Amino acid sequence: MTTDKHRCTMPNRDDENAHKTDAEGSPNDARYPITPLSALERLWWSIEHRSDDWPDLKQLATTAGLSLFGLNRIFRKNTGLAPLAYARAKRLNGAAILLCRTHKTILDIALTSGYQSQQAFTRAFSREYGLSPAQFRAKFRQDIYHAPPIPDLVRAVQVMTLPTQHLLGRRYLGNYTDVPAHWLDFSWRLRMADIDPSGLTFMGILHDDPYLTPPGHIRYDCAFLTVGHRSITPHFPTCVPITLTGGRYAALDQHGPYIERIAQTIATLVIQWLPATSHQLALVPAFERFHHAPWTIPADAWALTAHVGLI
């Protein structure tokens, strides 16, 4: 069973704007025995991949060989929320990102988020965030307008076109400040699976906006690029396949302590660089390409290139 700090699930799928992450293979694959952890992964998969309906908890519990109470207990222990509360929070968090990072109408966002009307969406959103969607959008834009500039970072941004990239990775759930601990856990799992990390390129995939996501619920994938000449067959299912489809990205190199400086890099790209350009944000995961294995270097000397998708 995973701990609160190292909670794992299956990768997310986002098919919009020709960028995506895609887990190739279903958690229903019968190659591995049903355990409490795989039951958790099945439920998490269902929530991650269904944007227009709610997960069928009874069916998932039956498939996993657990009682409905047992499935709820496992999920709450690993996420801090009951399954339906987690699904609702994820759905509303996606709506918050659309409100703040796009110019979509509130009605469009309500329908995209699976609500039948703007009124139903407004009620649910207001309960979650304490503000109506319109108030939330206005407050966010006012806060960002007053954010201090970081000119040395803004000037260093480059726009590039990247090819499709294939990775193997593992999902973690927590805070952005937990990322160094996620990588320590990932390195241990690689060793236990007899995967030699030498020569591999490691990447962190971010599915959520740290400014808009409730504490403890930022989804982060620790992953590494697969290489054609090297066959990696772990002794147990440590990782799942992930695909980052190619497209245009804004890229920014960063060096220094992860939590104090690098964690602000993607925020700088989105909040300060993007509004000053003609580019628009693609609703896809951002990612970090590390220059070294993250767990092998001092805490104040991390080096990476942060990427944010563009349309």
C-alpha atoms as a PDB file:
ATOM      1  CA  MET A   1       0.000   0.000   0.000  1.00  0.00           C
ATOM      2  CA  THR A   2       1.286   3.454  -0.814  1.00  0.00           C
ATOM      3  CA  THR A   3       1.829   6.094   1.869  1.00  0.00           C
ATOM      4  CA  ASP A   4       0.156   9.489   2.050  1.00  0.00           C
ATOM      5  CA  LYS A   5       3.299  11.134   0.685  1.00  0.00           C
ATOM      6  CA  HIS A   6       3.736   8.703  -2.190  1.00  0.00           C
ATOM      7  CA  ARG A   7       0.275   8.067  -3.586  1.00  0.00           C
ATOM      8  CA  CYS A   8       0.072   6.616  -7.051  1.00  0.00           C
ATOM      9  CA  THR A   9      -2.394   6.095  -9.856  1.00  0.00           C
ATOM     10  CA  MET A  10      -2.603   5.656 -13.587  1.00  0.00           C
ATOM     11  CA  PRO A  11      -1.632   8.428 -16.021  1.00  0.00           C
ATOM     12  CA  ASN A  12      -4.183  10.959 -17.212  1.00  0.00           C
ATOM     13  CA  ARG A  13      -5.488  11.264 -20.793  1.00  0.00           C
ATOM     14  CA  ASP A  14      -5.955  14.650 -22.411  1.00  0.00           C
ATOM     15  CA  ASP A  15      -6.809  14.549 -26.113  1.00  0.00           C
ATOM     16  CA  GLU A  16      -7.258  18.271 -26.770  1.00  0.00           C
ATOM     17  CA  ASN A  17      -5.138  20.269 -29.244  1.00  0.00           C
ATOM     18  CA  ALA A  18      -3.035  17.310 -30.403  1.00  0.00           C
ATOM     19  CA  HIS A  19      -1.131  17.089 -27.124  1.00  0.00           C
ATOM     20  CA  LYS A  20      -1.873  14.222 -24.762  1.00  0.00           C
ATOM     21  CA  THR A  21      -0.746  11.824 -22.114  1.00  0.00           C
ATOM     22  CA  ASP A  22      -2.034   8.333 -22.733  1.00  0.00           C
ATOM     23  CA  ALA A  23      -1.677   5.182 -20.706  1.00  0.00           C
ATOM     24  CA  GLU A  24      -1.337   2.402 -23.246  1.00  0.00           C
ATOM     25  CA  GLY A  25      -3.141  -0.479 -21.597  1.00  0.00           C
ATOM     26  CA  SER A  26      -6.077  -0.661 -19.251  1.00  0.00           C
ATOM     27  CA  PRO A  27      -6.101  -1.317 -15.504  1.00  0.00           C
ATOM     28  CA  ASN A  28      -8.513  -4.111 -16.357  1.00  0.00           C
ATOM     29  CA  ASP A  29      -5.569  -6.009 -17.856  1.00  0.00           C
ATOM     30  CA  ALA A  30      -5.634  -9.405 -16.129  1.00  0.00           C
ATOM     31  CA  ARG A  31      -1.866  -9.946 -16.226  1.00  0.00           C
ATOM     32  CA  TYR A  32      -1.563  -8.838 -12.594  1.00  0.00           C
ATOM     33  CA  PRO A  33      -3.600 -10.158  -9.645  1.00  0.00           C
ATOM     34  CA  ILE A  34      -6.316  -8.040  -8.028  1.00  0.00           C
ATOM     35  CA  THR A  35      -4.987  -6.479  -4.807  1.00  0.00           C
ATOM     36  CA  PRO A  36      -6.165  -3.514  -2.701  1.00  0.00           C
ATOM     37  CA  LEU A  37      -3.674  -1.329  -4.591  1.00  0.00           C
ATOM     38  CA  SER A  38      -4.855  -2.460  -8.020  1.00  0.00           C
ATOM     39  CA  ALA A  39      -8.433  -1.858  -6.857  1.00  0.00           C
ATOM     40  CA  LEU A  40      -7.390   1.694  -6.025  1.00  0.00           C
ATOM     41  CA  GLU A  41      -5.759   2.049  -9.441  1.00  0.00           C
ATOM     42  CA  ARG A  42      -8.896   0.783 -11.182  1.00  0.00           C
ATOM     43  CA  LEU A  43     -11.073   3.306  -9.388  1.00  0.00           C
ATOM     44  CA  TRP A  44      -8.593   6.112  -9.992  1.00  0.00           C
ATOM     45  CA  TRP A  45      -8.408   5.204 -13.679  1.00  0.00           C
ATOM     46  CA  SER A  46     -12.182   5.367 -13.944  1.00  0.00           C
ATOM     47  CA  ILE A  47     -12.288   8.825 -12.382  1.00  0.00           C
ATOM     48  CA  GLU A  48      -9.366  10.150 -14.446  1.00  0.00           C
ATOM     49  CA  HIS A  49     -10.824   9.029 -17.781  1.00  0.00           C
ATOM     50  CA  ARG A  50     -14.530   9.804 -17.380  1.00  0.00           C
ATOM     51  CA  SER A  51     -15.307  13.482 -17.726  1.00  0.00           C
ATOM     52  CA  ASP A  52     -19.000  13.182 -18.570  1.00  0.00           C
ATOM     53  CA  ASP A  53     -20.296  10.701 -16.006  1.00  0.00           C
ATOM     54  CA  TRP A  54     -19.594   9.422 -12.512  1.00  0.00           C
ATOM     55  CA  PRO A  55     -17.720   6.190 -11.724  1.00  0.00           C
ATOM     56  CA  ASP A  56     -19.821   3.103 -10.987  1.00  0.00           C
ATOM     57  CA  LEU A  57     -18.495   2.310  -7.507  1.00  0.00           C
ATOM     58  CA  LYS A  58     -20.529  -0.867  -7.046  1.00  0.00           C
ATOM     59  CA  GLN A  59     -19.252  -2.329 -10.311  1.00  0.00           C
ATOM     60  CA  LEU A  60     -15.654  -1.399  -9.485  1.00  0.00           C
ATOM     61  CA  ALA A  61     -15.921  -2.903  -6.009  1.00  0.00           C
ATOM     62  CA  THR A  62     -17.363  -6.131  -7.423  1.00  0.00           C
ATOM     63  CA  THR A  63     -14.637  -6.382 -10.064  1.00  0.00           C
ATOM     64  CA  ALA A  64     -11.957  -5.797  -7.423  1.00  0.00           C
ATOM     65  CA  GLY A  65     -13.439  -8.395  -5.071  1.00  0.00           C
ATOM     66  CA  LEU A  66     -13.965  -5.801  -2.341  1.00  0.00           C
ATOM     67  CA  SER A  67     -16.965  -4.458  -0.507  1.00  0.00           C
ATOM     68  CA  LEU A  68     -18.142  -0.953  -1.336  1.00  0.00           C
ATOM     69  CA  PHE A  69     -17.022   0.081   2.158  1.00  0.00           C
ATOM     70  CA  GLY A  70     -13.575  -1.434   1.588  1.00  0.00           C
ATOM     71  CA  LEU A  71     -13.104   0.321  -1.737  1.00  0.00           C
ATOM     72  CA  ASN A  72     -14.131   3.667  -0.228  1.00  0.00           C
ATOM     73  CA  ARG A  73     -11.780   3.120   2.720  1.00  0.00           C
ATOM     74  CA  ILE A  74      -8.791   2.371   0.479  1.00  0.00           C
ATOM     75  CA  PHE A  75      -9.460   5.384  -1.724  1.00  0.00           C
ATOM     76  CA  ARG A  76      -9.986   7.774   1.190  1.00  0.00           C
ATOM     77  CA  LYS A  77      -6.794   6.550   2.880  1.00  0.00           C
ATOM     78  CA  ASN A  78      -4.741   7.290  -0.243  1.00  0.00           C
ATOM     79  CA  THR A  79      -6.333  10.576  -1.342  1.00  0.00           C
ATOM     80  CA  GLY A  80      -8.008  12.036   1.741  1.00  0.00           C
ATOM     81  CA  LEU A  81     -11.363  12.089  -0.092  1.00  0.00           C
ATOM     82  CA  ALA A  82     -14.167   9.684  -0.867  1.00  0.00           C
ATOM     83  CA  PRO A  83     -14.238   8.627  -4.547  1.00  0.00           C
ATOM     84  CA  LEU A  84     -17.177  10.798  -5.578  1.00  0.00           C
ATOM     85  CA  ALA A  85     -15.775  13.803  -3.690  1.00  0.00           C
ATOM     86  CA  TYR A  86     -12.451  13.304  -5.487  1.00  0.00           C
ATOM     87  CA  ALA A  87     -14.206  13.058  -8.864  1.00  0.00           C
ATOM     88  CA  ARG A  88     -16.158  16.242  -8.144  1.00  0.00           C
ATOM     89  CA  ALA A  89     -13.029  18.106  -6.969  1.00  0.00           C
ATOM     90  CA  LYS A  90     -11.076  17.025 -10.061  1.00  0.00           C
ATOM     91  CA  ARG A  91     -13.906  18.127 -12.344  1.00  0.00           C
ATOM     92  CA  LEU A  92     -14.202  21.528 -10.659  1.00  0.00           C
ATOM     93  CA  ASN A  93     -10.432  22.016 -10.609  1.00  0.00           C
ATOM     94  CA  GLY A  94     -10.400  21.522 -14.369  1.00  0.00           C
ATOM     95  CA  ALA A  95     -13.156  24.111 -14.619  1.00  0.00           C
ATOM     96  CA  ALA A  96     -11.117  26.546 -12.508  1.00  0.00           C
ATOM     97  CA  ILE A  97      -8.181  26.186 -14.897  1.00  0.00           C
ATOM     98  CA  LEU A  98     -10.449  26.872 -17.870  1.00  0.00           C
ATOM     99  CA  LEU A  99     -11.862  29.945 -16.138  1.00  0.00           C
ATOM    100  CA  CYS A 100      -8.452  31.416 -15.418  1.00  0.00           C
ATOM    101  CA  ARG A 101      -6.346  30.290 -18.379  1.00  0.00           C
ATOM    102  CA  THR A 102      -8.831  30.630 -21.276  1.00  0.00           C
ATOM    103  CA  HIS A 103     -11.510  32.987 -22.567  1.00  0.00           C
ATOM    104  CA  LYS A 104     -14.219  30.309 -22.773  1.00  0.00           C
ATOM    105  CA  THR A 105     -17.668  31.389 -21.598  1.00  0.00           C
ATOM    106  CA  ILE A 106     -18.919  30.114 -18.256  1.00  0.00           C
ATOM    107  CA  LEU A 107     -21.665  28.158 -20.030  1.00  0.00           C
ATOM    108  CA  ASP A 108     -19.103  26.441 -22.285  1.00  0.00           C
ATOM    109  CA  ILE A 109     -17.004  25.550 -19.247  1.00  0.00           C
ATOM    110  CA  ALA A 110     -20.054  24.224 -17.401  1.00  0.00           C
ATOM    111  CA  LEU A 111     -20.965  21.912 -20.285  1.00  0.00           C
ATOM    112  CA  THR A 112     -17.336  20.844 -20.820  1.00  0.00           C
ATOM    113  CA  SER A 113     -17.143  19.973 -17.127  1.00  0.00           C
ATOM    114  CA  GLY A 114     -20.138  17.654 -17.317  1.00  0.00           C
ATOM    115  CA  TYR A 115     -22.849  19.894 -15.859  1.00  0.00           C
ATOM    116  CA  GLN A 116     -26.250  20.146 -17.516  1.00  0.00           C
ATOM    117  CA  SER A 117     -26.661  23.881 -16.926  1.00  0.00           C
ATOM    118  CA  GLN A 118     -24.715  26.971 -15.948  1.00  0.00           C
ATOM    119  CA  GLN A 119     -26.815  27.260 -12.785  1.00  0.00           C
ATOM    120  CA  ALA A 120     -25.915  23.746 -11.573  1.00  0.00           C
ATOM    121  CA  PHE A 121     -22.247  24.395 -12.334  1.00  0.00           C
ATOM    122  CA  THR A 122     -22.298  27.742 -10.497  1.00  0.00           C
ATOM    123  CA  ARG A 123     -23.800  26.145  -7.373  1.00  0.00           C
ATOM    124  CA  ALA A 124     -21.222  23.340  -7.316  1.00  0.00           C
ATOM    125  CA  PHE A 125     -18.307  25.670  -8.062  1.00  0.00           C
ATOM    126  CA  SER A 126     -19.355  28.166  -5.388  1.00  0.00           C
ATOM    127  CA  ARG A 127     -19.539  25.407  -2.752  1.00  0.00           C
ATOM    128  CA  GLU A 128     -16.037  24.228  -3.661  1.00  0.00           C
ATOM    129  CA  TYR A 129     -14.257  27.598  -3.980  1.00  0.00           C
ATOM    130  CA  GLY A 130     -16.413  30.031  -2.011  1.00  0.00           C
ATOM    131  CA  LEU A 131     -16.796  32.277  -5.072  1.00  0.00           C
ATOM    132  CA  SER A 132     -18.988  32.160  -8.154  1.00  0.00           C
ATOM    133  CA  PRO A 133     -17.199  31.271 -11.418  1.00  0.00           C
ATOM    134  CA  ALA A 134     -17.345  34.915 -12.546  1.00  0.00           C
ATOM    135  CA  GLN A 135     -15.968  36.165  -9.214  1.00  0.00           C
ATOM    136  CA  PHE A 136     -13.235  33.511  -9.244  1.00  0.00           C
ATOM    137  CA  ARG A 137     -12.128  34.501 -12.758  1.00  0.00           C
ATOM    138  CA  ALA A 138     -12.082  38.210 -11.904  1.00  0.00           C
ATOM    139  CA  LYS A 139     -10.129  37.703  -8.668  1.00  0.00           C
ATOM    140  CA  PHE A 140      -7.536  35.486 -10.338  1.00  0.00           C
ATOM    141  CA  ARG A 141      -6.912  37.978 -13.134  1.00  0.00           C
ATOM    142  CA  GLN A 142      -6.591  40.828 -10.640  1.00  0.00           C
ATOM    143  CA  ASP A 143      -4.070  38.865  -8.571  1.00  0.00           C
ATOM    144  CA  ILE A 144      -2.014  37.977 -11.647  1.00  0.00           C
ATOM    145  CA  TYR A 145      -2.068  41.583 -12.876  1.00  0.00           C
ATOM    146  CA  HIS A 146      -0.344  42.645  -9.668  1.00  0.00           C
ATOM    147  CA  ALA A 147       2.223  39.820  -9.714  1.00  0.00           C
ATOM    148  CA  PRO A 148       5.820  41.171  -9.715  1.00  0.00           C
ATOM    149  CA  PRO A 149       7.724  40.551 -12.985  1.00  0.00           C
ATOM    150  CA  ILE A 150      10.773  38.274 -13.205  1.00  0.00           C
ATOM    151  CA  PRO A 151      12.473  39.772 -16.294  1.00  0.00           C
ATOM    152  CA  ASP A 152      15.533  37.477 -16.320  1.00  0.00           C
ATOM    153  CA  LEU A 153      13.267  34.443 -16.685  1.00  0.00           C
ATOM    154  CA  VAL A 154      10.855  36.014 -19.156  1.00  0.00           C
ATOM    155  CA  ARG A 155      13.659  37.025 -21.544  1.00  0.00           C
ATOM    156  CA  ALA A 156      15.083  33.486 -21.592  1.00  0.00           C
ATOM    157  CA  VAL A 157      11.930  31.725 -22.880  1.00  0.00           C
ATOM    158  CA  GLN A 158      12.236  29.873 -26.204  1.00  0.00           C
ATOM    159  CA  VAL A 159       9.433  28.519 -28.408  1.00  0.00           C
ATOM    160  CA  MET A 160      10.111  25.141 -30.013  1.00  0.00           C
ATOM    161  CA  THR A 161       8.337  22.297 -31.787  1.00  0.00           C
ATOM    162  CA  LEU A 162       8.838  18.883 -30.187  1.00  0.00           C
ATOM    163  CA  PRO A 163       8.224  15.398 -31.611  1.00  0.00           C
ATOM    164  CA  THR A 164       6.074  12.749 -29.961  1.00  0.00           C
ATOM    165  CA  GLN A 165       7.844  11.317 -26.906  1.00  0.00           C
ATOM    166  CA  HIS A 166       7.325   7.874 -25.353  1.00  0.00           C
ATOM    167  CA  LEU A 167       7.942   7.347 -21.649  1.00  0.00           C
ATOM    168  CA  LEU A 168       7.468   4.955 -18.765  1.00  0.00           C
ATOM    169  CA  GLY A 169       6.275   6.558 -15.546  1.00  0.00           C
ATOM    170  CA  ARG A 170       4.374   6.456 -12.287  1.00  0.00           C
ATOM    171  CA  ARG A 171       1.734   8.824 -10.899  1.00  0.00           C
ATOM    172  CA  TYR A 172       2.087  10.648  -7.571  1.00  0.00           C
ATOM    173  CA  LEU A 173      -0.403  12.843  -5.759  1.00  0.00           C
ATOM    174  CA  GLY A 174       0.578  15.533  -3.262  1.00  0.00           C
ATOM    175  CA  ASN A 175       1.942  19.078  -3.226  1.00  0.00           C
ATOM    176  CA  TYR A 176       4.472  20.612  -5.600  1.00  0.00           C
ATOM    177  CA  THR A 177       6.908  20.777  -2.683  1.00  0.00           C
ATOM    178  CA  ASP A 178       6.725  16.964  -2.507  1.00  0.00           C
ATOM    179  CA  VAL A 179       8.350  16.541  -5.935  1.00  0.00           C
ATOM    180  CA  PRO A 180      11.879  15.819  -4.595  1.00  0.00           C
ATOM    181  CA  ALA A 181      10.388  13.120  -2.342  1.00  0.00           C
ATOM    182  CA  HIS A 182       8.439  11.688  -5.288  1.00  0.00           C
ATOM    183  CA  TRP A 183      11.697  11.258  -7.194  1.00  0.00           C
ATOM    184  CA  LEU A 184      13.392   9.548  -4.257  1.00  0.00           C
ATOM    185  CA  ASP A 185      10.533   7.063  -4.102  1.00  0.00           C
ATOM    186  CA  PHE A 186      10.629   6.572  -7.882  1.00  0.00           C
ATOM    187  CA  SER A 187      14.374   5.858  -7.812  1.00  0.00           C
ATOM    188  CA  TRP A 188      13.807   3.214  -5.126  1.00  0.00           C
ATOM    189  CA  ARG A 189      11.108   1.570  -7.237  1.00  0.00           C
ATOM    190  CA  LEU A 190      13.447   1.511 -10.246  1.00  0.00           C
ATOM    191  CA  ARG A 191      16.084  -0.278  -8.176  1.00  0.00           C
ATOM    192  CA  MET A 192      13.536  -2.783  -6.890  1.00  0.00           C
ATOM    193  CA  ALA A 193      12.502  -3.463 -10.509  1.00  0.00           C
ATOM    194  CA  ASP A 194      16.121  -3.904 -11.661  1.00  0.00           C
ATOM    195  CA  ILE A 195      15.906  -0.897 -13.992  1.00  0.00           C
ATOM    196  CA  ASP A 196      19.333   0.705 -14.472  1.00  0.00           C
ATOM    197  CA  PRO A 197      18.830   4.513 -14.493  1.00  0.00           C
ATOM    198  CA  SER A 198      22.181   5.269 -16.137  1.00  0.00           C
ATOM    199  CA  GLY A 199      21.807   6.937 -19.512  1.00  0.00           C
ATOM    200  CA  LEU A 200      18.067   7.542 -19.100  1.00  0.00           C
ATOM    201  CA  THR A 201      16.424  10.959 -19.519  1.00  0.00           C
ATOM    202  CA  PHE A 202      14.011  11.741 -16.695  1.00  0.00           C
ATOM    203  CA  MET A 203      10.931  13.925 -17.020  1.00  0.00           C
ATOM    204  CA  GLY A 204       8.292  15.176 -14.599  1.00  0.00           C
ATOM    205  CA  ILE A 205       4.764  15.644 -15.973  1.00  0.00           C
ATOM    206  CA  LEU A 206       2.444  18.142 -14.272  1.00  0.00           C
ATOM    207  CA  HIS A 207      -1.301  17.761 -14.790  1.00  0.00           C
ATOM    208  CA  ASP A 208      -2.543  20.503 -12.448  1.00  0.00           C
ATOM    209  CA  ASP A 209      -2.065  24.221 -11.869  1.00  0.00           C
ATOM    210  CA  PRO A 210      -0.414  24.700  -8.442  1.00  0.00           C
ATOM    211  CA  TYR A 211      -2.166  28.060  -8.040  1.00  0.00           C
ATOM    212  CA  LEU A 212      -5.622  26.567  -8.568  1.00  0.00           C
ATOM    213  CA  THR A 213      -5.424  23.010  -7.230  1.00  0.00           C
ATOM    214  CA  PRO A 214      -6.351  22.264  -3.595  1.00  0.00           C
ATOM    215  CA  PRO A 215      -3.388  21.322  -1.364  1.00  0.00           C
ATOM    216  CA  GLY A 216      -2.411  17.679  -1.582  1.00  0.00           C
ATOM    217  CA  HIS A 217      -4.080  17.041  -4.944  1.00  0.00           C
ATOM    218  CA  ILE A 218      -1.449  17.999  -7.517  1.00  0.00           C
ATOM    219  CA  ARG A 219      -0.941  15.083  -9.932  1.00  0.00           C
ATOM    220  CA  TYR A 220       2.697  14.568 -10.933  1.00  0.00           C
ATOM    221  CA  ASP A 221       4.192  11.767 -13.048  1.00  0.00           C
ATOM    222  CA  CYS A 222       7.803  10.722 -12.518  1.00  0.00           C
ATOM    223  CA  ALA A 223       8.882   9.230 -15.848  1.00  0.00           C
ATOM    224  CA  PHE A 224      11.781   8.480 -18.165  1.00  0.00           C
ATOM    225  CA  LEU A 225      12.098   8.488 -21.935  1.00  0.00           C
ATOM    226  CA  THR A 226      12.210   5.082 -23.574  1.00  0.00           C
ATOM    227  CA  VAL A 227      15.040   4.489 -26.033  1.00  0.00           C
ATOM    228  CA  GLY A 228      14.730   2.325 -29.106  1.00  0.00           C
ATOM    229  CA  HIS A 229      17.995   0.461 -28.649  1.00  0.00           C
ATOM    230  CA  ARG A 230      17.369  -0.444 -25.024  1.00  0.00           C
ATOM    231  CA  SER A 231      14.797  -2.970 -23.852  1.00  0.00           C
ATOM    232  CA  ILE A 232      13.456  -2.363 -20.331  1.00  0.00           C
ATOM    233  CA  THR A 233      11.428  -5.178 -18.788  1.00  0.00           C
ATOM    234  CA  PRO A 234      10.773  -4.537 -15.090  1.00  0.00           C
ATOM    235  CA  HIS A 235      10.231  -7.503 -12.767  1.00  0.00           C
ATOM    236  CA  PHE A 236       6.904  -6.064 -11.661  1.00  0.00           C
ATOM    237  CA  PRO A 237       4.620  -3.295 -12.981  1.00  0.00           C
ATOM    238  CA  THR A 238       6.541  -0.333 -11.552  1.00  0.00           C
ATOM    239  CA  CYS A 239       5.689   1.934 -14.489  1.00  0.00           C
ATOM    240  CA  VAL A 240       3.049   2.344 -17.157  1.00  0.00           C
ATOM    241  CA  PRO A 241       3.544   3.677 -20.725  1.00  0.00           C
ATOM    242  CA  ILE A 242       2.919   7.385 -21.315  1.00  0.00           C
ATOM    243  CA  THR A 243       2.900   9.259 -24.618  1.00  0.00           C
ATOM    244  CA  LEU A 244       3.518  12.991 -24.969  1.00  0.00           C
ATOM    245  CA  THR A 245       2.357  13.897 -28.464  1.00  0.00           C
ATOM    246  CA  GLY A 246       4.463  16.489 -30.234  1.00  0.00           C
ATOM    247  CA  GLY A 247       3.538  20.119 -30.676  1.00  0.00           C
ATOM    248  CA  ARG A 248       4.656  23.663 -29.887  1.00  0.00           C
ATOM    249  CA  TYR A 249       6.010  24.412 -26.440  1.00  0.00           C
ATOM    250  CA  ALA A 250       7.478  27.348 -24.567  1.00  0.00           C
ATOM    251  CA  ALA A 251      10.702  26.192 -22.892  1.00  0.00           C
ATOM    252  CA  LEU A 252      12.749  27.705 -20.098  1.00  0.00           C
ATOM    253  CA  ASP A 253      16.005  26.407 -18.580  1.00  0.00           C
ATOM    254  CA  GLN A 254      16.371  26.642 -14.816  1.00  0.00           C
ATOM    255  CA  HIS A 255      19.063  25.822 -12.261  1.00  0.00           C
ATOM    256  CA  GLY A 256      18.980  25.972  -8.486  1.00  0.00           C
ATOM    257  CA  PRO A 257      16.956  24.704  -5.527  1.00  0.00           C
ATOM    258  CA  TYR A 258      13.789  23.011  -6.755  1.00  0.00           C
ATOM    259  CA  ILE A 259      11.275  24.241  -4.199  1.00  0.00           C
ATOM    260  CA  GLU A 260      12.584  27.808  -3.815  1.00  0.00           C
ATOM    261  CA  ARG A 261      13.179  28.636  -7.490  1.00  0.00           C
ATOM    262  CA  ILE A 262      12.448  25.915 -10.016  1.00  0.00           C
ATOM    263  CA  ALA A 263       8.916  25.326  -8.752  1.00  0.00           C
ATOM    264  CA  GLN A 264       8.148  28.893  -9.884  1.00  0.00           C
ATOM    265  CA  THR A 265       9.393  28.358 -13.442  1.00  0.00           C
ATOM    266  CA  ILE A 266       6.196  27.076 -15.021  1.00  0.00           C
ATOM    267  CA  ALA A 267       4.196  29.713 -13.163  1.00  0.00           C
ATOM    268  CA  THR A 268       6.473  32.345 -14.715  1.00  0.00           C
ATOM    269  CA  LEU A 269       5.855  30.929 -18.190  1.00  0.00           C
ATOM    270  CA  VAL A 270       2.076  30.900 -17.790  1.00  0.00           C
ATOM    271  CA  ILE A 271       1.498  34.016 -15.719  1.00  0.00           C
ATOM    272  CA  GLN A 272       4.111  36.486 -16.945  1.00  0.00           C
ATOM    273  CA  TRP A 273       5.488  35.415 -20.313  1.00  0.00           C
ATOM    274  CA  LEU A 274       2.334  34.122 -22.021  1.00  0.00           C
ATOM    275  CA  PRO A 275       0.106  37.223 -21.597  1.00  0.00           C
ATOM    276  CA  ALA A 276       2.814  39.372 -23.207  1.00  0.00           C
ATOM    277  CA  THR A 277       2.870  37.256 -26.388  1.00  0.00           C
ATOM    278  CA  SER A 278       0.447  36.246 -29.139  1.00  0.00           C
ATOM    279  CA  HIS A 279       0.560  32.618 -27.985  1.00  0.00           C
ATOM    280  CA  GLN A 280      -2.235  30.802 -26.173  1.00  0.00           C
ATOM    281  CA  LEU A 281      -1.954  28.105 -23.549  1.00  0.00           C
ATOM    282  CA  ALA A 282      -2.759  24.555 -24.651  1.00  0.00           C
ATOM    283  CA  LEU A 283      -4.837  22.662 -22.108  1.00  0.00           C
ATOM    284  CA  VAL A 284      -2.252  19.910 -21.752  1.00  0.00           C
ATOM    285  CA  PRO A 285       0.162  18.833 -19.030  1.00  0.00           C
ATOM    286  CA  ALA A 286       3.344  20.826 -18.626  1.00  0.00           C
ATOM    287  CA  PHE A 287       6.539  18.847 -18.196  1.00  0.00           C
ATOM    288  CA  GLU A 288      10.072  19.169 -16.880  1.00  0.00           C
ATOM    289  CA  ARG A 289      13.035  17.560 -18.647  1.00  0.00           C
ATOM    290  CA  PHE A 290      15.811  17.032 -16.124  1.00  0.00           C
ATOM    291  CA  HIS A 291      19.462  17.464 -17.088  1.00  0.00           C
ATOM    292  CA  HIS A 292      20.465  14.862 -14.466  1.00  0.00           C
ATOM    293  CA  ALA A 293      18.689  12.145 -12.500  1.00  0.00           C
ATOM    294  CA  PRO A 294      16.849  14.312  -9.928  1.00  0.00           C
ATOM    295  CA  TRP A 295      17.808  12.230  -6.881  1.00  0.00           C
ATOM    296  CA  THR A 296      21.565  12.213  -7.653  1.00  0.00           C
ATOM    297  CA  ILE A 297      22.328  15.916  -7.291  1.00  0.00           C
ATOM    298  CA  PRO A 298      22.353  18.316  -4.303  1.00  0.00           C
ATOM    299  CA  ALA A 299      19.043  19.896  -3.346  1.00  0.00           C
ATOM    300  CA  ASP A 300      20.303  23.360  -4.340  1.00  0.00           C
ATOM    301  CA  ALA A 301      21.667  22.344  -7.754  1.00  0.00           C
ATOM    302  CA  TRP A 302      18.747  20.917  -9.728  1.00  0.00           C
ATOM    303  CA  ALA A 303      18.864  21.605 -13.479  1.00  0.00           C
ATOM    304  CA  LEU A 304      15.955  21.205 -15.884  1.00  0.00           C
ATOM    305  CA  THR A 305      14.077  22.628 -18.843  1.00  0.00           C
ATOM    306  CA  ALA A 306      10.410  23.408 -18.168  1.00  0.00           C
ATOM    307  CA  HIS A 307       7.923  23.101 -21.060  1.00  0.00           C
ATOM    308  CA  VAL A 308       4.390  24.491 -21.416  1.00  0.00           C
ATOM    309  CA  GLY A 309       2.176  23.563 -24.399  1.00  0.00           C
ATOM    310  CA  LEU A 310       1.053  26.261 -26.833  1.00  0.00           C
ATOM    311  CA  ILE A 311      -1.629  26.586 -29.497  1.00  0.00           C
END
